[in-house]
Amino acid sequence: MANVVFLFKSTPKVPFVFQDRQLEQIAEAAGGEVYRFETEDELLASGKQAEILYTWGGTGDMPVRYCKGNPKLKWLHSFSAGMDPLMKSEIADIPIIISNSSGIHSLTIAESVMGYILAWNRTLPFMLRKQREHVWAKGMTRQPTEAFGKILGIIGAGAIGTEIAVRAKAFNMRTLALRRNPKPKECFDEIYGGDGLNELLTRSDYVVTSTPYTPETRRMIGAAQFKIMKNSALFINVARGGVVDQDALIEALGKGEIAGAALDVTDPEPLNHDSPLWDMENVIITPHMSADAPILAQLAVDFFCREIKHYLNGEPIANTIPH
């Protein structure tokens, strides 16, 4: 058994909402108590110490004081996937297990990607603008198209890329993927190794980036890559803004080197108020919310509870971050 500190306060930027029943689920999995706090100050004032800390590691201030002052702490698990703020804090120097919830967002992000593709295909952004103007806009924009038979290229064939491919196959699309290990994987028709990026880009009608943001993937899509894409292609980014050279993207859109873009992430975030991307009719922008949905909190708790069982049994914990 183990006690768990649950430290989190919902905000517009991180709109998770956890229910009492979910904390009861965690307590049952751990066989101990769950102490819930919204701020580190509240937690420190309570004097509670636990073996496991369940918190958010993706943005904002990290609970450094609590972690450094709790000799009982053995494991910190974050229900975010991104961990930059936490791993750049002094917590990374503490000899504890640190893990994240990478993979829980795949279901909702995949639905968002298909939403971008369908909205683009059926010219919905343009039609919604005309609806507000009370204009019957038939024949005023490009001809709507279909997903059937199109080629979807996915850069990053992890949990998110796989869920995207599953949904694309339901629309009878052909799916290509780029991953470090080009081993065949169900739901992908073809998988390229790292040297296959150009081949994927030249063949794809839709290009999706869902790769982790690392020094190797920083600005991996730039001017040279946009030039070899189909001029009818839609580029979709649900990874991180830094994966793309944004100035090159703006230029490619302006020159017609690609047909359009759907961006859930930008560089910087929020997107600058004066960015040309806001006013481009061939661009769909969402404010880093492709993963957001009420189901996400339950997915996070289910994942955590599975890992608690592994922890208590002395088994390896998924998504452990070296430090």
Foldseek 3Di string as FASTA:
>chain_A
DWEEEEEADADPVRHADDDPVLLVLLCVLQVHYYHYDHDLVVVVVVVDAIQEYEYAQADDDDNPVNLVPHPNHAEYEYADPHHVNVCVDCSVVDNHWYFYNPQLLQQLLLVVVVVVVQCLQCVVLVVVVVVVVVHPCVPPDDDRDALAAFEEEEEACDNNVVNNLVVSVVSNYAYEYEDQDQDDDPSHPGYHHPVCLLVSQLRHQEYEYAHEDDPVQFQPAFQVSLQNHQLAHEYEYLHEQRSHPVVRVVVSCVVSSHPAYEYCHHVPPPDDPPDPQVVDSRYHYHPSCSRDDNCSNVSSSVLVSVQSNCVVVVHDGPRTDRD
